[in-house]
C-alpha atoms as a PDB file:
ATOM      1  CA  UNK A   1      13.554  -7.263   8.649  1.00  0.00           C
ATOM      2  CA  UNK A   2      13.293 -10.007   6.061  1.00  0.00           C
ATOM      3  CA  UNK A   3      10.053 -10.393   4.143  1.00  0.00           C
ATOM      4  CA  UNK A   4      10.539 -13.835   2.677  1.00  0.00           C
ATOM      5  CA  UNK A   5       8.895 -15.002  -0.536  1.00  0.00           C
ATOM      6  CA  UNK A   6       8.589 -18.549  -1.829  1.00  0.00           C
ATOM      7  CA  UNK A   7       8.272 -19.278  -5.513  1.00  0.00           C
ATOM      8  CA  UNK A   8       5.172 -21.118  -6.744  1.00  0.00           C
ATOM      9  CA  UNK A   9       3.378 -21.513 -10.030  1.00  0.00           C
ATOM     10  CA  UNK A  10       0.233 -19.660 -10.893  1.00  0.00           C
ATOM     11  CA  UNK A  11      -2.565 -21.535 -12.623  1.00  0.00           C
ATOM     12  CA  UNK A  12      -4.044 -18.382 -14.241  1.00  0.00           C
ATOM     13  CA  UNK A  13      -1.306 -15.876 -15.032  1.00  0.00           C
ATOM     14  CA  UNK A  14      -3.158 -12.646 -15.897  1.00  0.00           C
ATOM     15  CA  UNK A  15      -0.219 -10.472 -14.814  1.00  0.00           C
ATOM     16  CA  UNK A  16       3.470 -10.542 -15.665  1.00  0.00           C
ATOM     17  CA  UNK A  17       4.926 -10.865 -12.171  1.00  0.00           C
ATOM     18  CA  UNK A  18       8.538 -11.483 -11.101  1.00  0.00           C
ATOM     19  CA  UNK A  19       9.321 -15.141 -10.204  1.00  0.00           C
ATOM     20  CA  UNK A  20       8.960 -14.839  -6.398  1.00  0.00           C
ATOM     21  CA  UNK A  21       5.235 -14.164  -6.726  1.00  0.00           C
ATOM     22  CA  UNK A  22       2.339 -16.577  -7.093  1.00  0.00           C
ATOM     23  CA  UNK A  23      -0.748 -15.112  -8.741  1.00  0.00           C
ATOM     24  CA  UNK A  24      -4.338 -15.692  -7.646  1.00  0.00           C
ATOM     25  CA  UNK A  25      -6.904 -13.960  -9.864  1.00  0.00           C
ATOM     26  CA  UNK A  26     -10.471 -13.201  -8.748  1.00  0.00           C
ATOM     27  CA  UNK A  27     -13.495 -12.073 -10.725  1.00  0.00           C
ATOM     28  CA  UNK A  28     -14.729  -8.497 -10.484  1.00  0.00           C
ATOM     29  CA  UNK A  29     -16.981  -9.243  -7.533  1.00  0.00           C
ATOM     30  CA  UNK A  30     -14.041 -10.564  -5.485  1.00  0.00           C
ATOM     31  CA  UNK A  31     -12.322  -8.874  -2.550  1.00  0.00           C
ATOM     32  CA  UNK A  32      -8.550  -9.183  -2.942  1.00  0.00           C
ATOM     33  CA  UNK A  33      -7.700  -8.174   0.616  1.00  0.00           C
ATOM     34  CA  UNK A  34     -10.226 -10.463   2.318  1.00  0.00           C
ATOM     35  CA  UNK A  35      -9.275 -13.387   0.076  1.00  0.00           C
ATOM     36  CA  UNK A  36      -5.556 -12.909   0.733  1.00  0.00           C
ATOM     37  CA  UNK A  37      -6.189 -12.901   4.480  1.00  0.00           C
ATOM     38  CA  UNK A  38      -8.237 -16.106   4.145  1.00  0.00           C
ATOM     39  CA  UNK A  39      -5.635 -18.027   2.160  1.00  0.00           C
ATOM     40  CA  UNK A  40      -2.478 -16.580   3.749  1.00  0.00           C
ATOM     41  CA  UNK A  41      -1.987 -19.428   6.274  1.00  0.00           C
ATOM     42  CA  UNK A  42      -2.034 -22.074   3.530  1.00  0.00           C
ATOM     43  CA  UNK A  43      -0.572 -20.223   0.521  1.00  0.00           C
ATOM     44  CA  UNK A  44       2.143 -18.297   2.332  1.00  0.00           C
ATOM     45  CA  UNK A  45       4.561 -15.571   1.312  1.00  0.00           C
ATOM     46  CA  UNK A  46       4.650 -14.252  -2.219  1.00  0.00           C
ATOM     47  CA  UNK A  47       0.981 -14.949  -2.945  1.00  0.00           C
ATOM     48  CA  UNK A  48      -0.509 -11.975  -4.782  1.00  0.00           C
ATOM     49  CA  UNK A  49      -4.279 -11.789  -5.139  1.00  0.00           C
ATOM     50  CA  UNK A  50      -5.591  -9.628  -7.980  1.00  0.00           C
ATOM     51  CA  UNK A  51      -9.149  -8.638  -8.881  1.00  0.00           C
ATOM     52  CA  UNK A  52      -9.698  -8.109 -12.599  1.00  0.00           C
ATOM     53  CA  UNK A  53     -11.526  -4.759 -12.739  1.00  0.00           C
ATOM     54  CA  UNK A  54     -11.152  -1.950 -15.264  1.00  0.00           C
ATOM     55  CA  UNK A  55     -11.988   0.840 -12.800  1.00  0.00           C
ATOM     56  CA  UNK A  56      -9.732  -0.221  -9.915  1.00  0.00           C
ATOM     57  CA  UNK A  57      -6.252  -1.610  -9.464  1.00  0.00           C
ATOM     58  CA  UNK A  58      -7.097  -3.911  -6.553  1.00  0.00           C
ATOM     59  CA  UNK A  59      -4.628  -6.403  -5.102  1.00  0.00           C
ATOM     60  CA  UNK A  60      -3.164  -7.870  -1.911  1.00  0.00           C
ATOM     61  CA  UNK A  61       0.126  -9.640  -1.227  1.00  0.00           C
ATOM     62  CA  UNK A  62       1.086 -12.076   1.530  1.00  0.00           C
ATOM     63  CA  UNK A  63       4.340 -11.468   3.412  1.00  0.00           C
ATOM     64  CA  UNK A  64       6.087 -13.496   6.112  1.00  0.00           C
ATOM     65  CA  UNK A  65       7.910 -11.290   8.612  1.00  0.00           C
ATOM     66  CA  UNK A  66      10.744 -12.446  10.852  1.00  0.00           C
ATOM     67  CA  UNK A  67      10.172 -10.151  13.802  1.00  0.00           C
ATOM     68  CA  UNK A  68       7.509  -9.471  16.454  1.00  0.00           C
ATOM     69  CA  UNK A  69       4.174  -8.036  15.385  1.00  0.00           C
ATOM     70  CA  UNK A  70       4.765  -4.652  17.021  1.00  0.00           C
ATOM     71  CA  UNK A  71       7.634  -3.947  14.619  1.00  0.00           C
ATOM     72  CA  UNK A  72       6.563  -6.204  11.737  1.00  0.00           C
ATOM     73  CA  UNK A  73       3.658  -3.835  11.025  1.00  0.00           C
ATOM     74  CA  UNK A  74       6.227  -1.459   9.580  1.00  0.00           C
ATOM     75  CA  UNK A  75       5.940  -3.604   6.454  1.00  0.00           C
ATOM     76  CA  UNK A  76       3.003  -1.326   5.739  1.00  0.00           C
ATOM     77  CA  UNK A  77       5.438   1.480   4.944  1.00  0.00           C
ATOM     78  CA  UNK A  78       7.308  -0.702   2.469  1.00  0.00           C
ATOM     79  CA  UNK A  79       4.010  -1.467   0.746  1.00  0.00           C
ATOM     80  CA  UNK A  80       2.980   2.187   0.599  1.00  0.00           C
ATOM     81  CA  UNK A  81       6.355   3.218  -0.771  1.00  0.00           C
ATOM     82  CA  UNK A  82       6.132   0.530  -3.452  1.00  0.00           C
ATOM     83  CA  UNK A  83       2.597   1.601  -4.377  1.00  0.00           C
ATOM     84  CA  UNK A  84       3.507   5.267  -4.778  1.00  0.00           C
ATOM     85  CA  UNK A  85       6.599   4.274  -6.781  1.00  0.00           C
ATOM     86  CA  UNK A  86       4.337   2.216  -9.043  1.00  0.00           C
ATOM     87  CA  UNK A  87       2.226   5.304  -9.718  1.00  0.00           C
ATOM     88  CA  UNK A  88       5.222   7.571 -10.215  1.00  0.00           C
ATOM     89  CA  UNK A  89       6.466   5.202 -12.906  1.00  0.00           C
ATOM     90  CA  UNK A  90       3.449   6.183 -15.047  1.00  0.00           C
ATOM     91  CA  UNK A  91       2.694   9.688 -13.761  1.00  0.00           C
ATOM     92  CA  UNK A  92       2.898  12.679 -16.079  1.00  0.00           C
ATOM     93  CA  UNK A  93       5.980  14.757 -15.143  1.00  0.00           C
ATOM     94  CA  UNK A  94       4.034  17.574 -13.516  1.00  0.00           C
ATOM     95  CA  UNK A  95       1.874  15.378 -11.301  1.00  0.00           C
ATOM     96  CA  UNK A  96       2.433  15.315  -7.528  1.00  0.00           C
ATOM     97  CA  UNK A  97       1.898  11.925  -5.877  1.00  0.00           C
ATOM     98  CA  UNK A  98       1.677  12.194  -2.087  1.00  0.00           C
ATOM     99  CA  UNK A  99       0.632  10.181   0.955  1.00  0.00           C
ATOM    100  CA  UNK A 100      -1.699  11.364   3.699  1.00  0.00           C
ATOM    101  CA  UNK A 101      -0.204   9.583   6.706  1.00  0.00           C
ATOM    102  CA  UNK A 102      -0.408   6.742   6.943  1.00  0.00           C
ATOM    103  CA  UNK A 103      -2.544   5.125   4.267  1.00  0.00           C
ATOM    104  CA  UNK A 104      -4.164   7.458   1.704  1.00  0.00           C
ATOM    105  CA  UNK A 105      -2.675   8.309  -1.696  1.00  0.00           C
ATOM    106  CA  UNK A 106      -3.429  11.531  -3.522  1.00  0.00           C
ATOM    107  CA  UNK A 107      -2.496  12.836  -6.956  1.00  0.00           C
ATOM    108  CA  UNK A 108      -2.450  16.631  -7.098  1.00  0.00           C
ATOM    109  CA  UNK A 109      -4.646  16.572  -4.000  1.00  0.00           C
ATOM    110  CA  UNK A 110      -7.267  14.179  -5.376  1.00  0.00           C
ATOM    111  CA  UNK A 111      -7.798  10.934  -3.469  1.00  0.00           C
ATOM    112  CA  UNK A 112      -7.172   7.907  -5.688  1.00  0.00           C
ATOM    113  CA  UNK A 113      -6.866   5.127  -3.088  1.00  0.00           C
ATOM    114  CA  UNK A 114      -4.464   3.754  -0.536  1.00  0.00           C
ATOM    115  CA  UNK A 115      -3.199   0.735   1.340  1.00  0.00           C
ATOM    116  CA  UNK A 116      -4.208  -1.421   4.307  1.00  0.00           C
ATOM    117  CA  UNK A 117      -2.687  -4.152   6.424  1.00  0.00           C
ATOM    118  CA  UNK A 118      -3.964  -7.404   7.903  1.00  0.00           C
ATOM    119  CA  UNK A 119      -2.439  -9.922  10.319  1.00  0.00           C
ATOM    120  CA  UNK A 120      -3.579 -12.881  12.448  1.00  0.00           C
ATOM    121  CA  UNK A 121      -5.763 -11.383  15.163  1.00  0.00           C
ATOM    122  CA  UNK A 122      -4.670 -13.907  17.780  1.00  0.00           C
ATOM    123  CA  UNK A 123      -1.004 -12.905  17.497  1.00  0.00           C
ATOM    124  CA  UNK A 124       0.421 -11.098  20.520  1.00  0.00           C
ATOM    125  CA  UNK A 125       2.520  -7.980  20.072  1.00  0.00           C
ATOM    126  CA  UNK A 126       5.701  -9.833  21.113  1.00  0.00           C
ATOM    127  CA  UNK A 127       5.034 -12.818  18.818  1.00  0.00           C
ATOM    128  CA  UNK A 128       6.159 -13.171  15.217  1.00  0.00           C
ATOM    129  CA  UNK A 129       3.043 -13.355  13.030  1.00  0.00           C
ATOM    130  CA  UNK A 130       2.774 -16.285  10.632  1.00  0.00           C
ATOM    131  CA  UNK A 131       1.809 -13.840   7.882  1.00  0.00           C
ATOM    132  CA  UNK A 132       1.002 -10.230   7.103  1.00  0.00           C
ATOM    133  CA  UNK A 133      -1.119  -9.027   4.173  1.00  0.00           C
ATOM    134  CA  UNK A 134      -0.636  -5.690   2.459  1.00  0.00           C
ATOM    135  CA  UNK A 135      -3.561  -4.646   0.299  1.00  0.00           C
ATOM    136  CA  UNK A 136      -3.727  -1.787  -2.171  1.00  0.00           C
ATOM    137  CA  UNK A 137      -6.465  -0.171  -4.200  1.00  0.00           C
ATOM    138  CA  UNK A 138      -6.135   2.627  -6.766  1.00  0.00           C
ATOM    139  CA  UNK A 139      -9.022   4.167  -8.699  1.00  0.00           C
ATOM    140  CA  UNK A 140      -8.020   4.016 -12.367  1.00  0.00           C
ATOM    141  CA  UNK A 141     -11.245   5.198 -14.001  1.00  0.00           C
ATOM    142  CA  UNK A 142     -14.061   7.345 -12.646  1.00  0.00           C
ATOM    143  CA  UNK A 143     -17.361   5.478 -13.001  1.00  0.00           C
ATOM    144  CA  UNK A 144     -19.351   8.665 -13.631  1.00  0.00           C
ATOM    145  CA  UNK A 145     -18.603  11.681 -15.784  1.00  0.00           C
ATOM    146  CA  UNK A 146     -20.142  13.780 -12.994  1.00  0.00           C
ATOM    147  CA  UNK A 147     -17.712  12.598 -10.297  1.00  0.00           C
ATOM    148  CA  UNK A 148     -15.250  15.432 -10.911  1.00  0.00           C
ATOM    149  CA  UNK A 149     -17.837  18.085 -10.109  1.00  0.00           C
ATOM    150  CA  UNK A 150     -19.669  16.255  -7.346  1.00  0.00           C
ATOM    151  CA  UNK A 151     -16.549  14.996  -5.548  1.00  0.00           C
ATOM    152  CA  UNK A 152     -13.735  17.508  -6.113  1.00  0.00           C
ATOM    153  CA  UNK A 153     -11.453  15.820  -3.551  1.00  0.00           C
ATOM    154  CA  UNK A 154     -11.597  12.451  -5.326  1.00  0.00           C
ATOM    155  CA  UNK A 155      -9.815  11.546  -8.517  1.00  0.00           C
ATOM    156  CA  UNK A 156      -8.754   8.674 -10.777  1.00  0.00           C
ATOM    157  CA  UNK A 157      -5.668   7.925 -12.847  1.00  0.00           C
ATOM    158  CA  UNK A 158      -7.535   8.601 -16.065  1.00  0.00           C
ATOM    159  CA  UNK A 159      -8.547  12.059 -14.836  1.00  0.00           C
ATOM    160  CA  UNK A 160      -4.951  12.812 -13.871  1.00  0.00           C
ATOM    161  CA  UNK A 161      -3.558  12.076 -17.296  1.00  0.00           C
ATOM    162  CA  UNK A 162      -2.255   8.530 -16.752  1.00  0.00           C
ATOM    163  CA  UNK A 163      -3.187   7.684 -20.320  1.00  0.00           C
ATOM    164  CA  UNK A 164      -0.875   4.706 -20.761  1.00  0.00           C
ATOM    165  CA  UNK A 165      -1.462   3.054 -17.386  1.00  0.00           C
ATOM    166  CA  UNK A 166      -3.964   0.354 -16.463  1.00  0.00           C
ATOM    167  CA  UNK A 167      -4.816  -1.719 -13.417  1.00  0.00           C
ATOM    168  CA  UNK A 168      -2.572  -4.501 -14.706  1.00  0.00           C
ATOM    169  CA  UNK A 169       0.391  -2.167 -15.173  1.00  0.00           C
ATOM    170  CA  UNK A 170      -0.023  -0.588 -11.737  1.00  0.00           C
ATOM    171  CA  UNK A 171      -0.044  -3.976  -9.993  1.00  0.00           C
ATOM    172  CA  UNK A 172       2.883  -5.293 -12.020  1.00  0.00           C
ATOM    173  CA  UNK A 173       4.852  -2.166 -11.184  1.00  0.00           C
ATOM    174  CA  UNK A 174       3.942  -2.461  -7.499  1.00  0.00           C
ATOM    175  CA  UNK A 175       5.245  -6.035  -7.387  1.00  0.00           C
ATOM    176  CA  UNK A 176       8.618  -4.970  -8.773  1.00  0.00           C
ATOM    177  CA  UNK A 177       8.930  -1.961  -6.479  1.00  0.00           C
ATOM    178  CA  UNK A 178       7.994  -4.002  -3.412  1.00  0.00           C
ATOM    179  CA  UNK A 179      10.973  -6.251  -4.146  1.00  0.00           C
ATOM    180  CA  UNK A 180      13.189  -3.149  -4.289  1.00  0.00           C
ATOM    181  CA  UNK A 181      11.827  -1.850  -0.966  1.00  0.00           C
ATOM    182  CA  UNK A 182      12.242  -5.262   0.659  1.00  0.00           C
ATOM    183  CA  UNK A 183      15.830  -5.526  -0.541  1.00  0.00           C
ATOM    184  CA  UNK A 184      16.581  -2.046   0.834  1.00  0.00           C
ATOM    185  CA  UNK A 185      15.158  -3.080   4.221  1.00  0.00           C
ATOM    186  CA  UNK A 186      17.216  -6.249   4.309  1.00  0.00           C
ATOM    187  CA  UNK A 187      20.419  -4.537   3.164  1.00  0.00           C
ATOM    188  CA  UNK A 188      20.266  -1.220   5.011  1.00  0.00           C
ATOM    189  CA  UNK A 189      17.637  -1.618   7.712  1.00  0.00           C
ATOM    190  CA  UNK A 190      14.161  -0.157   8.095  1.00  0.00           C
ATOM    191  CA  UNK A 191      15.560   3.389   8.212  1.00  0.00           C
ATOM    192  CA  UNK A 192      16.002   3.260   4.440  1.00  0.00           C
ATOM    193  CA  UNK A 193      12.319   2.399   3.924  1.00  0.00           C
ATOM    194  CA  UNK A 194      11.244   5.050   6.438  1.00  0.00           C
ATOM    195  CA  UNK A 195      13.276   7.714   4.628  1.00  0.00           C
ATOM    196  CA  UNK A 196      11.656   6.914   1.296  1.00  0.00           C
ATOM    197  CA  UNK A 197       8.178   6.836   2.817  1.00  0.00           C
ATOM    198  CA  UNK A 198       8.600  10.197   4.578  1.00  0.00           C
ATOM    199  CA  UNK A 199       9.704  11.781   1.296  1.00  0.00           C
ATOM    200  CA  UNK A 200       6.225  11.039  -0.033  1.00  0.00           C
ATOM    201  CA  UNK A 201       4.346  12.875   2.715  1.00  0.00           C
ATOM    202  CA  UNK A 202       3.108  16.371   1.940  1.00  0.00           C
ATOM    203  CA  UNK A 203       5.804  18.803   3.034  1.00  0.00           C
ATOM    204  CA  UNK A 204       5.306  21.330   5.827  1.00  0.00           C
ATOM    205  CA  UNK A 205       7.703  24.158   6.593  1.00  0.00           C
ATOM    206  CA  UNK A 206       9.529  23.743   9.893  1.00  0.00           C
ATOM    207  CA  UNK A 207       8.414  20.135  10.322  1.00  0.00           C
ATOM    208  CA  UNK A 208      10.572  17.007  10.503  1.00  0.00           C
ATOM    209  CA  UNK A 209       9.247  13.461  10.754  1.00  0.00           C
ATOM    210  CA  UNK A 210      10.481   9.994  11.549  1.00  0.00           C
ATOM    211  CA  UNK A 211       8.986   6.527  12.025  1.00  0.00           C
ATOM    212  CA  UNK A 212       9.354   5.000  15.490  1.00  0.00           C
ATOM    213  CA  UNK A 213      10.319   1.363  16.076  1.00  0.00           C
ATOM    214  CA  UNK A 214       6.651   0.366  16.466  1.00  0.00           C
ATOM    215  CA  UNK A 215       5.560   2.260  13.337  1.00  0.00           C
ATOM    216  CA  UNK A 216       4.203   5.376  15.037  1.00  0.00           C
ATOM    217  CA  UNK A 217       4.837   8.714  13.335  1.00  0.00           C
ATOM    218  CA  UNK A 218       6.953  11.177  15.337  1.00  0.00           C
ATOM    219  CA  UNK A 219       6.690  14.841  14.348  1.00  0.00           C
ATOM    220  CA  UNK A 220       8.963  17.654  15.494  1.00  0.00           C
ATOM    221  CA  UNK A 221       8.208  21.312  14.818  1.00  0.00           C
ATOM    222  CA  UNK A 222      10.739  24.104  14.770  1.00  0.00           C
ATOM    223  CA  UNK A 223      10.693  26.072  18.015  1.00  0.00           C
ATOM    224  CA  UNK A 224       8.805  23.403  19.958  1.00  0.00           C
ATOM    225  CA  UNK A 225      10.423  20.896  22.310  1.00  0.00           C
ATOM    226  CA  UNK A 226       7.500  18.495  22.399  1.00  0.00           C
ATOM    227  CA  UNK A 227       7.411  15.566  19.990  1.00  0.00           C
ATOM    228  CA  UNK A 228       3.994  14.719  18.531  1.00  0.00           C
ATOM    229  CA  UNK A 229       3.224  11.008  18.320  1.00  0.00           C
ATOM    230  CA  UNK A 230       0.577   9.536  16.001  1.00  0.00           C
ATOM    231  CA  UNK A 231      -0.162   5.863  16.645  1.00  0.00           C
ATOM    232  CA  UNK A 232      -0.102   3.569  13.604  1.00  0.00           C
ATOM    233  CA  UNK A 233      -2.190   0.686  14.952  1.00  0.00           C
ATOM    234  CA  UNK A 234      -5.563   2.481  15.319  1.00  0.00           C
ATOM    235  CA  UNK A 235      -5.348   3.828  11.770  1.00  0.00           C
ATOM    236  CA  UNK A 236      -4.642   0.384  10.339  1.00  0.00           C
ATOM    237  CA  UNK A 237      -7.813  -0.909  11.986  1.00  0.00           C
ATOM    238  CA  UNK A 238      -9.899   1.707  10.137  1.00  0.00           C
ATOM    239  CA  UNK A 239      -8.325   2.830   6.830  1.00  0.00           C
ATOM    240  CA  UNK A 240      -8.972   6.519   6.228  1.00  0.00           C
ATOM    241  CA  UNK A 241      -9.443   6.242   2.451  1.00  0.00           C
ATOM    242  CA  UNK A 242     -11.638   3.133   2.287  1.00  0.00           C
ATOM    243  CA  UNK A 243     -15.431   3.246   1.993  1.00  0.00           C
ATOM    244  CA  UNK A 244     -16.796   0.036   3.485  1.00  0.00           C
ATOM    245  CA  UNK A 245     -20.223   0.588   1.892  1.00  0.00           C
ATOM    246  CA  UNK A 246     -18.936   0.729  -1.680  1.00  0.00           C
ATOM    247  CA  UNK A 247     -15.847  -1.434  -1.193  1.00  0.00           C
ATOM    248  CA  UNK A 248     -13.695   1.191  -2.911  1.00  0.00           C
ATOM    249  CA  UNK A 249     -11.882   4.494  -2.286  1.00  0.00           C
ATOM    250  CA  UNK A 250     -13.968   7.259  -0.748  1.00  0.00           C
ATOM    251  CA  UNK A 251     -15.493   9.948  -2.900  1.00  0.00           C
END
């Protein structure tokens, strides 16, 4: 699948992005994902919306798929792979960066954020959507010194020893890795993206996984003939890691 990008100029370049991207920067009170969905029909592919916050790396990018919605949603996996690669680029060597299928990212078990996907709601499953938006959010700094004790399953990059990383660096790294994932999809097919994504899931003995054509997760267990299917679409409608009350990753 091709995820086209069109080059445009940015009027307020706060990030150092590769040429295919156009930057839109919002103030701290902005919502990158919602804004990207709003402007996607007019701005088109390659638009990257970034919210300038010190405690979160918050962004969303507009993509233009060339296949029906039911398979185009697999772009979510390319986005998640790029986001974990962006974190691995700055992670201390001993840190384990994993994905809770399909959308939550953990570092050594602590939830730091995740990804979500938006598309035109009036698009039928067999129609090619005009646009798709992948949004990501990573907690870079814990807002309270008490968070570690009160919320042991939540974490932030600062707590995990990402001393040299910042929201700007995470988003810049994501943009570069998304181009790599997109190129792999175009050159070798979606199977290449699926393989890289599955490598980032927490490993289980005797379990093998693959991504179906519609994005569902298929799980096979040693000694069992039945194949377990987990549907992607319902999870995209309600991201597991996102707290709608706070507008950030869950604690």
